[in-house]
PDB file of N, CA and C in Angstrom:
ATOM      1  N   MET A   1     -16.019 -31.310-131.896  1.00  0.00           N
ATOM      2  CA  MET A   1     -15.114 -30.047-131.985  1.00  0.00           C
ATOM      3  C   MET A   1     -15.349 -28.398-132.933  1.00  0.00           C
ATOM      4  N   GLY A   2     -15.546 -29.267-133.890  1.00  0.00           N
ATOM      5  CA  GLY A   2     -15.472 -27.705-135.043  1.00  0.00           C
ATOM      6  C   GLY A   2     -16.764 -26.872-135.070  1.00  0.00           C
ATOM      7  N   ILE A   3     -17.369 -27.769-134.831  1.00  0.00           N
ATOM      8  CA  ILE A   3     -18.699 -26.952-134.651  1.00  0.00           C
ATOM      9  C   ILE A   3     -18.762 -25.966-133.580  1.00  0.00           C
ATOM     10  N   THR A   4     -18.190 -26.425-132.470  1.00  0.00           N
ATOM     11  CA  THR A   4     -18.056 -25.784-131.536  1.00  0.00           C
ATOM     12  C   THR A   4     -17.244 -24.077-131.504  1.00  0.00           C
ATOM     13  N   ALA A   5     -15.820 -24.665-132.451  1.00  0.00           N
ATOM     14  CA  ALA A   5     -15.250 -23.548-132.520  1.00  0.00           C
ATOM     15  C   ALA A   5     -15.539 -22.727-133.544  1.00  0.00           C
ATOM     16  N   ILE A   6     -16.389 -23.154-134.422  1.00  0.00           N
ATOM     17  CA  ILE A   6     -17.349 -22.342-135.302  1.00  0.00           C
ATOM     18  C   ILE A   6     -18.338 -21.481-134.783  1.00  0.00           C
ATOM     19  N   ILE A   7     -19.084 -21.861-133.814  1.00  0.00           N
ATOM     20  CA  ILE A   7     -20.370 -21.001-132.738  1.00  0.00           C
ATOM     21  C   ILE A   7     -19.315 -19.908-132.207  1.00  0.00           C
ATOM     22  N   LEU A   8     -18.143 -20.453-131.408  1.00  0.00           N
ATOM     23  CA  LEU A   8     -17.366 -19.658-130.596  1.00  0.00           C
ATOM     24  C   LEU A   8     -16.773 -18.739-131.398  1.00  0.00           C
ATOM     25  N   GLY A   9     -16.399 -19.132-132.653  1.00  0.00           N
ATOM     26  CA  GLY A   9     -15.495 -17.640-133.404  1.00  0.00           C
ATOM     27  C   GLY A   9     -16.526 -17.026-133.602  1.00  0.00           C
ATOM     28  N   ALA A  10     -18.085 -17.247-134.391  1.00  0.00           N
ATOM     29  CA  ALA A  10     -18.871 -15.982-135.010  1.00  0.00           C
ATOM     30  C   ALA A  10     -19.545 -15.589-133.420  1.00  0.00           C
ATOM     31  N   PHE A  11     -19.542 -16.145-131.973  1.00  0.00           N
ATOM     32  CA  PHE A  11     -20.046 -15.517-131.168  1.00  0.00           C
ATOM     33  C   PHE A  11     -19.231 -14.336-130.661  1.00  0.00           C
ATOM     34  N   GLY A  12     -17.589 -14.817-131.003  1.00  0.00           N
ATOM     35  CA  GLY A  12     -16.339 -13.646-130.583  1.00  0.00           C
ATOM     36  C   GLY A  12     -16.511 -12.436-131.199  1.00  0.00           C
ATOM     37  N   ALA A  13     -16.778 -13.174-132.951  1.00  0.00           N
ATOM     38  CA  ALA A  13     -16.864 -11.761-133.724  1.00  0.00           C
ATOM     39  C   ALA A  13     -18.162 -10.655-133.777  1.00  0.00           C
ATOM     40  N   HIS A  14     -19.090 -11.341-133.200  1.00  0.00           N
ATOM     41  CA  HIS A  14     -20.468 -10.514-133.379  1.00  0.00           C
ATOM     42  C   HIS A  14     -20.608 -10.162-131.587  1.00  0.00           C
ATOM     43  N   ALA A  15     -20.878 -10.922-130.707  1.00  0.00           N
ATOM     44  CA  ALA A  15     -21.697 -10.404-129.483  1.00  0.00           C
ATOM     45  C   ALA A  15     -20.340  -9.727-128.948  1.00  0.00           C
ATOM     46  N   LEU A  16     -19.028 -10.572-128.747  1.00  0.00           N
ATOM     47  CA  LEU A  16     -17.659 -10.191-127.569  1.00  0.00           C
ATOM     48  C   LEU A  16     -17.422  -8.778-128.550  1.00  0.00           C
ATOM     49  N   LYS A  17     -17.427  -9.050-129.650  1.00  0.00           N
ATOM     50  CA  LYS A  17     -16.470  -7.296-130.230  1.00  0.00           C
ATOM     51  C   LYS A  17     -16.884  -6.033-129.654  1.00  0.00           C
ATOM     52  N   LYS A  18     -18.202  -5.817-129.073  1.00  0.00           N
ATOM     53  CA  LYS A  18     -18.464  -4.605-128.247  1.00  0.00           C
ATOM     54  C   LYS A  18     -17.740  -4.475-126.994  1.00  0.00           C
ATOM     55  N   LEU A  19     -17.746  -6.037-126.651  1.00  0.00           N
ATOM     56  CA  LEU A  19     -17.676  -5.871-124.695  1.00  0.00           C
ATOM     57  C   LEU A  19     -16.296  -6.217-124.579  1.00  0.00           C
ATOM     58  N   LEU A  20     -15.467  -6.578-125.351  1.00  0.00           N
ATOM     59  CA  LEU A  20     -14.137  -6.899-124.738  1.00  0.00           C
ATOM     60  C   LEU A  20     -12.780  -5.984-125.499  1.00  0.00           C
ATOM     61  N   SER A  21     -11.459  -5.841-124.780  1.00  0.00           N
ATOM     62  CA  SER A  21     -11.141  -4.909-125.469  1.00  0.00           C
ATOM     63  C   SER A  21     -10.336  -5.657-126.236  1.00  0.00           C
ATOM     64  N   GLY A  22      -9.189  -5.179-127.139  1.00  0.00           N
ATOM     65  CA  GLY A  22      -8.586  -5.662-128.412  1.00  0.00           C
ATOM     66  C   GLY A  22      -8.045  -6.750-128.190  1.00  0.00           C
ATOM     67  N   ASP A  23      -7.085  -6.742-127.166  1.00  0.00           N
ATOM     68  CA  ASP A  23      -6.116  -7.792-126.434  1.00  0.00           C
ATOM     69  C   ASP A  23      -6.694  -9.060-126.048  1.00  0.00           C
ATOM     70  N   GLN A  24      -8.303  -8.615-125.513  1.00  0.00           N
ATOM     71  CA  GLN A  24      -9.008 -10.093-124.866  1.00  0.00           C
ATOM     72  C   GLN A  24      -9.552 -10.239-126.296  1.00  0.00           C
ATOM     73  N   LEU A  25     -10.302  -9.817-126.958  1.00  0.00           N
ATOM     74  CA  LEU A  25     -10.769 -10.352-128.360  1.00  0.00           C
ATOM     75  C   LEU A  25      -9.705 -11.294-128.788  1.00  0.00           C
ATOM     76  N   ASN A  26      -8.513 -10.972-128.908  1.00  0.00           N
ATOM     77  CA  ASN A  26      -7.391 -11.398-129.942  1.00  0.00           C
ATOM     78  C   ASN A  26      -7.053 -13.162-129.060  1.00  0.00           C
ATOM     79  N   ALA A  27      -6.874 -12.695-127.802  1.00  0.00           N
ATOM     80  CA  ALA A  27      -6.752 -14.080-126.985  1.00  0.00           C
ATOM     81  C   ALA A  27      -8.119 -15.051-127.257  1.00  0.00           C
ATOM     82  N   PHE A  28      -9.454 -14.544-127.141  1.00  0.00           N
ATOM     83  CA  PHE A  28     -10.517 -15.585-127.329  1.00  0.00           C
ATOM     84  C   PHE A  28     -10.248 -16.267-128.889  1.00  0.00           C
ATOM     85  N   GLU A  29      -9.773 -15.396-129.779  1.00  0.00           N
ATOM     86  CA  GLU A  29      -9.958 -16.011-131.156  1.00  0.00           C
ATOM     87  C   GLU A  29      -8.167 -17.055-130.980  1.00  0.00           C
ATOM     88  N   THR A  30      -7.922 -16.516-130.228  1.00  0.00           N
ATOM     89  CA  THR A  30      -6.661 -17.668-130.383  1.00  0.00           C
ATOM     90  C   THR A  30      -7.219 -18.964-129.601  1.00  0.00           C
ATOM     91  N   GLY A  31      -7.808 -19.063-128.471  1.00  0.00           N
ATOM     92  CA  GLY A  31      -8.286 -20.127-128.389  1.00  0.00           C
ATOM     93  C   GLY A  31      -9.204 -20.848-129.508  1.00  0.00           C
ATOM     94  N   VAL A  32     -10.332 -20.110-129.979  1.00  0.00           N
ATOM     95  CA  VAL A  32     -11.165 -20.662-131.090  1.00  0.00           C
ATOM     96  C   VAL A  32      -9.916 -21.120-132.494  1.00  0.00           C
ATOM     97  N   LYS A  33      -9.352 -20.654-132.808  1.00  0.00           N
ATOM     98  CA  LYS A  33      -7.957 -20.937-133.589  1.00  0.00           C
ATOM     99  C   LYS A  33      -7.790 -22.538-133.342  1.00  0.00           C
ATOM    100  N   TYR A  34      -6.830 -22.782-132.178  1.00  0.00           N
ATOM    101  CA  TYR A  34      -6.422 -23.428-132.013  1.00  0.00           C
ATOM    102  C   TYR A  34      -7.600 -24.668-131.559  1.00  0.00           C
ATOM    103  N   GLN A  35      -8.476 -24.523-131.139  1.00  0.00           N
ATOM    104  CA  GLN A  35      -9.885 -25.446-131.253  1.00  0.00           C
ATOM    105  C   GLN A  35     -10.085 -26.079-132.767  1.00  0.00           C
ATOM    106  N   MET A  36     -10.206 -25.343-133.757  1.00  0.00           N
ATOM    107  CA  MET A  36     -10.078 -25.206-134.882  1.00  0.00           C
ATOM    108  C   MET A  36      -8.975 -26.398-135.705  1.00  0.00           C
ATOM    109  N   TYR A  37      -8.065 -25.332-135.493  1.00  0.00           N
ATOM    110  CA  TYR A  37      -7.030 -26.760-135.681  1.00  0.00           C
ATOM    111  C   TYR A  37      -6.692 -27.984-135.172  1.00  0.00           C
ATOM    112  N   HIS A  38      -6.969 -28.388-133.929  1.00  0.00           N
ATOM    113  CA  HIS A  38      -7.047 -29.517-133.460  1.00  0.00           C
ATOM    114  C   HIS A  38      -8.807 -30.225-133.594  1.00  0.00           C
ATOM    115  N   ALA A  39      -9.800 -29.725-134.218  1.00  0.00           N
ATOM    116  CA  ALA A  39     -10.851 -30.342-134.889  1.00  0.00           C
ATOM    117  C   ALA A  39     -10.206 -31.037-136.088  1.00  0.00           C
ATOM    118  N   LEU A  40      -9.478 -30.041-136.763  1.00  0.00           N
ATOM    119  CA  LEU A  40      -9.106 -30.833-138.086  1.00  0.00           C
ATOM    120  C   LEU A  40      -8.257 -32.044-137.991  1.00  0.00           C
ATOM    121  N   PHE A  41      -7.163 -32.105-136.945  1.00  0.00           N
ATOM    122  CA  PHE A  41      -6.256 -32.797-136.347  1.00  0.00           C
ATOM    123  C   PHE A  41      -6.885 -34.006-136.057  1.00  0.00           C
ATOM    124  N   LEU A  42      -8.136 -34.165-135.334  1.00  0.00           N
ATOM    125  CA  LEU A  42      -8.984 -35.584-134.883  1.00  0.00           C
ATOM    126  C   LEU A  42      -9.399 -36.214-136.525  1.00  0.00           C
ATOM    127  N   LEU A  43      -9.699 -34.916-137.413  1.00  0.00           N
ATOM    128  CA  LEU A  43     -10.190 -35.481-138.259  1.00  0.00           C
ATOM    129  C   LEU A  43      -9.935 -36.339-139.475  1.00  0.00           C
ATOM    130  N   PHE A  44      -8.236 -35.901-139.583  1.00  0.00           N
ATOM    131  CA  PHE A  44      -7.066 -36.479-139.750  1.00  0.00           C
ATOM    132  C   PHE A  44      -6.714 -37.833-139.319  1.00  0.00           C
ATOM    133  N   LEU A  45      -7.039 -37.582-137.883  1.00  0.00           N
ATOM    134  CA  LEU A  45      -6.326 -38.987-136.892  1.00  0.00           C
ATOM    135  C   LEU A  45      -7.418 -40.090-137.564  1.00  0.00           C
ATOM    136  N   GLY A  46      -8.667 -39.509-137.939  1.00  0.00           N
ATOM    137  CA  GLY A  46     -10.050 -40.647-137.814  1.00  0.00           C
ATOM    138  C   GLY A  46      -9.804 -41.418-139.410  1.00  0.00           C
ATOM    139  N   VAL A  47      -9.345 -40.649-140.105  1.00  0.00           N
ATOM    140  CA  VAL A  47      -9.526 -41.003-142.042  1.00  0.00           C
ATOM    141  C   VAL A  47      -7.849 -41.621-142.351  1.00  0.00           C
ATOM    142  N   ASN A  48      -6.752 -41.903-141.138  1.00  0.00           N
ATOM    143  CA  ASN A  48      -5.660 -42.449-141.695  1.00  0.00           C
ATOM    144  C   ASN A  48      -5.938 -43.936-141.284  1.00  0.00           C
ATOM    145  N   SER A  49      -5.142 -44.535-141.897  1.00  0.00           N
ATOM    146  CA  SER A  49      -4.593 -46.117-141.542  1.00  0.00           C
ATOM    147  C   SER A  49      -3.211 -46.737-141.219  1.00  0.00           C
ATOM    148  N   PHE A  50      -2.664 -45.394-141.163  1.00  0.00           N
ATOM    149  CA  PHE A  50      -1.026 -45.616-140.902  1.00  0.00           C
ATOM    150  C   PHE A  50      -0.733 -45.556-139.126  1.00  0.00           C
ATOM    151  N   LEU A  51      -1.692 -45.186-138.463  1.00  0.00           N
ATOM    152  CA  LEU A  51      -1.216 -44.994-136.763  1.00  0.00           C
ATOM    153  C   LEU A  51      -2.051 -46.640-136.296  1.00  0.00           C
ATOM    154  N   SER A  52      -1.245 -46.556-135.417  1.00  0.00           N
ATOM    155  CA  SER A  52      -1.550 -47.819-134.889  1.00  0.00           C
ATOM    156  C   SER A  52      -3.146 -47.462-133.724  1.00  0.00           C
ATOM    157  N   GLN A  53      -4.334 -48.499-133.397  1.00  0.00           N
ATOM    158  CA  GLN A  53      -5.254 -48.087-132.962  1.00  0.00           C
ATOM    159  C   GLN A  53      -5.224 -47.457-131.604  1.00  0.00           C
ATOM    160  N   LYS A  54      -3.737 -48.063-131.114  1.00  0.00           N
ATOM    161  CA  LYS A  54      -3.213 -47.450-129.607  1.00  0.00           C
ATOM    162  C   LYS A  54      -2.995 -46.085-129.294  1.00  0.00           C
ATOM    163  N   ALA A  55      -2.301 -45.656-130.443  1.00  0.00           N
ATOM    164  CA  ALA A  55      -1.839 -44.213-130.769  1.00  0.00           C
ATOM    165  C   ALA A  55      -2.955 -43.289-130.896  1.00  0.00           C
ATOM    166  N   LYS A  56      -3.834 -43.941-131.922  1.00  0.00           N
ATOM    167  CA  LYS A  56      -5.219 -43.199-131.845  1.00  0.00           C
ATOM    168  C   LYS A  56      -6.011 -42.625-131.015  1.00  0.00           C
ATOM    169  N   LYS A  57      -6.215 -43.528-130.544  1.00  0.00           N
ATOM    170  CA  LYS A  57      -6.538 -43.546-128.903  1.00  0.00           C
ATOM    171  C   LYS A  57      -6.358 -42.779-127.961  1.00  0.00           C
ATOM    172  N   MET A  58      -4.916 -42.912-127.802  1.00  0.00           N
ATOM    173  CA  MET A  58      -4.228 -41.953-126.777  1.00  0.00           C
ATOM    174  C   MET A  58      -3.861 -40.308-127.566  1.00  0.00           C
ATOM    175  N   ILE A  59      -4.134 -40.297-128.655  1.00  0.00           N
ATOM    176  CA  ILE A  59      -4.165 -38.924-129.402  1.00  0.00           C
ATOM    177  C   ILE A  59      -4.761 -38.247-129.531  1.00  0.00           C
ATOM    178  N   PHE A  60      -6.155 -39.201-129.463  1.00  0.00           N
ATOM    179  CA  PHE A  60      -7.611 -38.216-129.346  1.00  0.00           C
ATOM    180  C   PHE A  60      -7.967 -37.742-127.495  1.00  0.00           C
ATOM    181  N   GLN A  61      -7.851 -38.852-126.673  1.00  0.00           N
ATOM    182  CA  GLN A  61      -7.791 -38.100-125.129  1.00  0.00           C
ATOM    183  C   GLN A  61      -6.659 -37.521-125.403  1.00  0.00           C
ATOM    184  N   LEU A  62      -5.647 -36.813-125.490  1.00  0.00           N
ATOM    185  CA  LEU A  62      -4.727 -36.276-125.510  1.00  0.00           C
ATOM    186  C   LEU A  62      -5.221 -34.516-125.797  1.00  0.00           C
ATOM    187  N   VAL A  63      -6.068 -34.819-127.202  1.00  0.00           N
ATOM    188  CA  VAL A  63      -6.621 -33.838-128.017  1.00  0.00           C
ATOM    189  C   VAL A  63      -7.619 -33.132-127.048  1.00  0.00           C
ATOM    190  N   ILE A  64      -8.670 -33.855-126.825  1.00  0.00           N
ATOM    191  CA  ILE A  64      -9.649 -33.653-125.830  1.00  0.00           C
ATOM    192  C   ILE A  64      -9.533 -32.919-124.703  1.00  0.00           C
ATOM    193  N   PHE A  65      -8.598 -33.221-123.817  1.00  0.00           N
ATOM    194  CA  PHE A  65      -8.407 -32.754-122.956  1.00  0.00           C
ATOM    195  C   PHE A  65      -7.322 -31.772-122.925  1.00  0.00           C
ATOM    196  N   GLY A  66      -6.572 -31.639-123.363  1.00  0.00           N
ATOM    197  CA  GLY A  66      -5.602 -30.248-123.837  1.00  0.00           C
ATOM    198  C   GLY A  66      -6.105 -29.363-124.885  1.00  0.00           C
ATOM    199  N   VAL A  67      -7.447 -29.547-125.413  1.00  0.00           N
ATOM    200  CA  VAL A  67      -8.109 -28.087-125.838  1.00  0.00           C
ATOM    201  C   VAL A  67      -9.179 -27.859-124.806  1.00  0.00           C
ATOM    202  N   ILE A  68      -9.668 -28.358-123.964  1.00  0.00           N
ATOM    203  CA  ILE A  68     -10.597 -28.524-123.098  1.00  0.00           C
ATOM    204  C   ILE A  68      -9.591 -27.381-121.743  1.00  0.00           C
ATOM    205  N   PHE A  69      -8.546 -27.831-121.485  1.00  0.00           N
ATOM    206  CA  PHE A  69      -7.613 -27.066-120.482  1.00  0.00           C
ATOM    207  C   PHE A  69      -7.170 -25.553-121.457  1.00  0.00           C
ATOM    208  N   PHE A  70      -6.625 -26.121-122.247  1.00  0.00           N
ATOM    209  CA  PHE A  70      -5.879 -24.781-123.107  1.00  0.00           C
ATOM    210  C   PHE A  70      -7.355 -23.684-124.070  1.00  0.00           C
ATOM    211  N   CYS A  71      -7.740 -24.371-124.890  1.00  0.00           N
ATOM    212  CA  CYS A  71      -8.692 -23.173-125.146  1.00  0.00           C
ATOM    213  C   CYS A  71      -9.625 -23.026-124.342  1.00  0.00           C
ATOM    214  N   GLY A  72     -10.608 -23.617-123.505  1.00  0.00           N
ATOM    215  CA  GLY A  72     -11.062 -23.503-122.367  1.00  0.00           C
ATOM    216  C   GLY A  72     -10.615 -22.363-121.761  1.00  0.00           C
ATOM    217  N   SER A  73      -9.296 -22.502-120.923  1.00  0.00           N
ATOM    218  CA  SER A  73      -9.064 -21.470-119.706  1.00  0.00           C
ATOM    219  C   SER A  73      -8.942 -20.144-120.823  1.00  0.00           C
ATOM    220  N   ILE A  74      -8.614 -19.884-121.945  1.00  0.00           N
ATOM    221  CA  ILE A  74      -8.116 -19.027-122.785  1.00  0.00           C
ATOM    222  C   ILE A  74     -10.009 -18.425-122.846  1.00  0.00           C
ATOM    223  N   TYR A  75     -10.735 -19.367-123.208  1.00  0.00           N
ATOM    224  CA  TYR A  75     -12.043 -18.576-123.124  1.00  0.00           C
ATOM    225  C   TYR A  75     -12.448 -17.838-121.675  1.00  0.00           C
ATOM    226  N   LEU A  76     -12.191 -18.287-120.954  1.00  0.00           N
ATOM    227  CA  LEU A  76     -12.998 -17.979-119.573  1.00  0.00           C
ATOM    228  C   LEU A  76     -11.836 -16.669-119.038  1.00  0.00           C
ATOM    229  N   LEU A  77     -10.393 -16.692-119.168  1.00  0.00           N
ATOM    230  CA  LEU A  77      -9.647 -15.912-119.319  1.00  0.00           C
ATOM    231  C   LEU A  77      -9.726 -14.426-120.040  1.00  0.00           C
ATOM    232  N   SER A  78     -10.317 -14.787-121.114  1.00  0.00           N
ATOM    233  CA  SER A  78     -10.507 -13.451-122.112  1.00  0.00           C
ATOM    234  C   SER A  78     -11.759 -12.888-121.604  1.00  0.00           C
ATOM    235  N   THR A  79     -12.726 -13.431-121.083  1.00  0.00           N
ATOM    236  CA  THR A  79     -14.124 -12.885-120.981  1.00  0.00           C
ATOM    237  C   THR A  79     -14.471 -12.476-119.602  1.00  0.00           C
ATOM    238  N   LYS A  80     -13.293 -12.224-118.924  1.00  0.00           N
ATOM    239  CA  LYS A  80     -13.726 -11.286-117.565  1.00  0.00           C
ATOM    240  C   LYS A  80     -14.643 -10.407-117.493  1.00  0.00           C
ATOM    241  N   PRO A  81     -14.723  -9.679-118.322  1.00  0.00           N
ATOM    242  CA  PRO A  81     -15.697  -8.589-118.292  1.00  0.00           C
ATOM    243  C   PRO A  81     -17.035  -8.989-118.504  1.00  0.00           C
ATOM    244  N   VAL A  82     -16.746  -9.908-119.337  1.00  0.00           N
ATOM    245  CA  VAL A  82     -18.369 -10.686-119.663  1.00  0.00           C
ATOM    246  C   VAL A  82     -18.749 -11.204-118.700  1.00  0.00           C
ATOM    247  N   MET A  83     -18.202 -12.214-118.312  1.00  0.00           N
ATOM    248  CA  MET A  83     -18.357 -13.042-116.859  1.00  0.00           C
ATOM    249  C   MET A  83     -18.791 -12.501-115.444  1.00  0.00           C
ATOM    250  N   GLY A  84     -17.735 -11.223-115.421  1.00  0.00           N
ATOM    251  CA  GLY A  84     -17.791 -10.642-114.008  1.00  0.00           C
ATOM    252  C   GLY A  84     -17.161 -11.489-113.256  1.00  0.00           C
ATOM    253  N   ILE A  85     -16.430 -12.311-113.455  1.00  0.00           N
ATOM    254  CA  ILE A  85     -15.742 -13.233-112.488  1.00  0.00           C
ATOM    255  C   ILE A  85     -14.603 -13.022-113.181  1.00  0.00           C
ATOM    256  N   ASP A  86     -13.116 -13.056-112.255  1.00  0.00           N
ATOM    257  CA  ASP A  86     -11.713 -13.098-112.680  1.00  0.00           C
ATOM    258  C   ASP A  86     -11.294 -14.687-112.332  1.00  0.00           C
ATOM    259  N   PHE A  87     -11.226 -14.923-113.540  1.00  0.00           N
ATOM    260  CA  PHE A  87     -10.679 -16.648-113.486  1.00  0.00           C
ATOM    261  C   PHE A  87      -9.205 -16.629-113.483  1.00  0.00           C
ATOM    262  N   LYS A  88      -8.325 -15.615-113.025  1.00  0.00           N
ATOM    263  CA  LYS A  88      -6.770 -15.834-112.908  1.00  0.00           C
ATOM    264  C   LYS A  88      -6.376 -16.772-112.006  1.00  0.00           C
ATOM    265  N   PHE A  89      -7.110 -17.379-111.430  1.00  0.00           N
ATOM    266  CA  PHE A  89      -6.658 -18.439-110.894  1.00  0.00           C
ATOM    267  C   PHE A  89      -6.473 -19.741-111.584  1.00  0.00           C
ATOM    268  N   ILE A  90      -7.056 -19.899-112.960  1.00  0.00           N
ATOM    269  CA  ILE A  90      -6.728 -20.894-113.705  1.00  0.00           C
ATOM    270  C   ILE A  90      -5.974 -20.707-114.568  1.00  0.00           C
ATOM    271  N   GLY A  91      -5.402 -19.325-114.523  1.00  0.00           N
ATOM    272  CA  GLY A  91      -3.861 -19.126-115.472  1.00  0.00           C
ATOM    273  C   GLY A  91      -3.134 -20.774-115.468  1.00  0.00           C
ATOM    274  N   ILE A  92      -2.870 -21.019-114.824  1.00  0.00           N
ATOM    275  CA  ILE A  92      -1.709 -22.350-114.820  1.00  0.00           C
ATOM    276  C   ILE A  92      -2.478 -23.746-115.892  1.00  0.00           C
ATOM    277  N   VAL A  93      -3.614 -23.603-115.711  1.00  0.00           N
ATOM    278  CA  VAL A  93      -4.208 -24.518-116.720  1.00  0.00           C
ATOM    279  C   VAL A  93      -3.992 -24.375-118.063  1.00  0.00           C
ATOM    280  N   THR A  94      -3.765 -23.331-118.808  1.00  0.00           N
ATOM    281  CA  THR A  94      -3.248 -22.620-120.048  1.00  0.00           C
ATOM    282  C   THR A  94      -2.095 -23.244-120.379  1.00  0.00           C
ATOM    283  N   PRO A  95      -1.146 -23.052-119.854  1.00  0.00           N
ATOM    284  CA  PRO A  95       0.117 -23.833-120.369  1.00  0.00           C
ATOM    285  C   PRO A  95      -0.138 -25.681-120.151  1.00  0.00           C
ATOM    286  N   VAL A  96      -0.943 -26.006-119.212  1.00  0.00           N
ATOM    287  CA  VAL A  96      -0.919 -27.270-118.987  1.00  0.00           C
ATOM    288  C   VAL A  96      -1.409 -27.793-120.016  1.00  0.00           C
ATOM    289  N   GLY A  97      -2.619 -27.150-120.618  1.00  0.00           N
ATOM    290  CA  GLY A  97      -3.213 -27.472-121.959  1.00  0.00           C
ATOM    291  C   GLY A  97      -2.442 -27.573-123.166  1.00  0.00           C
ATOM    292  N   GLY A  98      -1.523 -26.870-123.095  1.00  0.00           N
ATOM    293  CA  GLY A  98      -0.549 -26.617-124.500  1.00  0.00           C
ATOM    294  C   GLY A  98       0.256 -28.095-123.949  1.00  0.00           C
ATOM    295  N   VAL A  99       0.922 -28.016-122.783  1.00  0.00           N
ATOM    296  CA  VAL A  99       2.070 -29.244-123.039  1.00  0.00           C
ATOM    297  C   VAL A  99       1.017 -30.590-123.337  1.00  0.00           C
ATOM    298  N   ILE A 100      -0.214 -30.631-122.881  1.00  0.00           N
ATOM    299  CA  ILE A 100      -1.027 -31.646-123.104  1.00  0.00           C
ATOM    300  C   ILE A 100      -1.006 -31.978-124.688  1.00  0.00           C
ATOM    301  N   LEU A 101      -1.644 -30.833-125.708  1.00  0.00           N
ATOM    302  CA  LEU A 101      -1.250 -30.954-127.105  1.00  0.00           C
ATOM    303  C   LEU A 101      -0.252 -31.230-127.937  1.00  0.00           C
ATOM    304  N   ILE A 102       0.859 -30.502-126.956  1.00  0.00           N
ATOM    305  CA  ILE A 102       2.361 -31.154-127.849  1.00  0.00           C
ATOM    306  C   ILE A 102       2.418 -32.761-127.796  1.00  0.00           C
ATOM    307  N   ALA A 103       1.950 -33.072-126.468  1.00  0.00           N
ATOM    308  CA  ALA A 103       2.157 -34.308-126.071  1.00  0.00           C
ATOM    309  C   ALA A 103       1.509 -35.262-127.336  1.00  0.00           C
ATOM    310  N   ALA A 104       0.298 -35.005-127.300  1.00  0.00           N
ATOM    311  CA  ALA A 104      -0.598 -35.378-128.779  1.00  0.00           C
ATOM    312  C   ALA A 104       0.508 -35.170-130.142  1.00  0.00           C
ATOM    313  N   TRP A 105       0.799 -34.194-130.461  1.00  0.00           N
ATOM    314  CA  TRP A 105       1.515 -34.357-131.584  1.00  0.00           C
ATOM    315  C   TRP A 105       2.646 -35.165-131.495  1.00  0.00           C
ATOM    316  N   SER A 106       2.997 -35.222-130.573  1.00  0.00           N
ATOM    317  CA  SER A 106       4.630 -35.990-130.060  1.00  0.00           C
ATOM    318  C   SER A 106       3.851 -37.621-130.275  1.00  0.00           C
ATOM    319  N   VAL A 107       3.021 -37.804-129.397  1.00  0.00           N
ATOM    320  CA  VAL A 107       2.507 -39.422-130.205  1.00  0.00           C
ATOM    321  C   VAL A 107       2.232 -39.613-131.657  1.00  0.00           C
ATOM    322  N   LEU A 108       2.100 -38.721-132.003  1.00  0.00           N
ATOM    323  CA  LEU A 108       1.697 -38.815-133.796  1.00  0.00           C
ATOM    324  C   LEU A 108       3.048 -39.026-133.914  1.00  0.00           C
ATOM    325  N   LEU A 109       3.949 -37.873-134.083  1.00  0.00           N
ATOM    326  CA  LEU A 109       5.243 -37.707-134.442  1.00  0.00           C
ATOM    327  C   LEU A 109       6.081 -39.551-134.095  1.00  0.00           C
ATOM    328  N   TRP A 110       5.896 -40.294-132.913  1.00  0.00           N
ATOM    329  CA  TRP A 110       6.757 -41.006-132.660  1.00  0.00           C
ATOM    330  C   TRP A 110       6.131 -42.289-133.432  1.00  0.00           C
ATOM    331  N   ASP A 111       4.846 -42.599-133.360  1.00  0.00           N
ATOM    332  CA  ASP A 111       4.262 -43.283-134.291  1.00  0.00           C
ATOM    333  C   ASP A 111       4.512 -43.750-135.300  1.00  0.00           C
ATOM    334  N   VAL A 112       4.147 -42.589-136.313  1.00  0.00           N
ATOM    335  CA  VAL A 112       4.859 -42.216-137.442  1.00  0.00           C
ATOM    336  C   VAL A 112       6.067 -42.616-137.567  1.00  0.00           C
ATOM    337  N   TRP A 113       7.349 -42.454-137.217  1.00  0.00           N
ATOM    338  CA  TRP A 113       8.453 -42.733-136.855  1.00  0.00           C
ATOM    339  C   TRP A 113       8.720 -44.280-136.766  1.00  0.00           C
ATOM    340  N   LYS A 114       7.850 -44.926-135.726  1.00  0.00           N
ATOM    341  CA  LYS A 114       8.114 -46.008-135.401  1.00  0.00           C
ATOM    342  C   LYS A 114       7.341 -47.011-136.883  1.00  0.00           C
ATOM    343  N   ALA A 115       6.155 -46.594-137.647  1.00  0.00           N
ATOM    344  CA  ALA A 115       6.039 -46.970-139.108  1.00  0.00           C
ATOM    345  C   ALA A 115       6.610 -46.985-139.527  1.00  0.00           C
ATOM    346  N   LYS A 116       7.653 -46.142-140.084  1.00  0.00           N
ATOM    347  CA  LYS A 116       8.607 -45.778-140.802  1.00  0.00           C
ATOM    348  C   LYS A 116       9.767 -46.724-140.926  1.00  0.00           C
ATOM    349  N   ARG A 117      10.029 -47.136-139.372  1.00  0.00           N
ATOM    350  CA  ARG A 117      11.201 -47.634-139.728  1.00  0.00           C
ATOM    351  C   ARG A 117      10.995 -49.538-139.902  1.00  0.00           C
TER     352      ARG A 117
END
């Protein structure tokens, strides 16, 4: 996930810079940022020992699906001029992906809170 965030960030900064408007490029970069944040979140998840295996697995799955829905839909929506396809119909997927990412962080919070009790 981190590697693809770096590749997409470089692609956006170099190849898409002249093809997208400022707003579209900013949206694309937002997708890249959130993907990288969650790549780091997964790295943190893998190296800690205070979360239960059940919580780790659930968080991992939520992050993967959340990033695919949230970031993936932003990538598609922001690259309309390049792709030539209006992906407006998947606009509802973006907030669904956001809710899934919030759920992943909520599972982390809940499992840490349970462990502290």
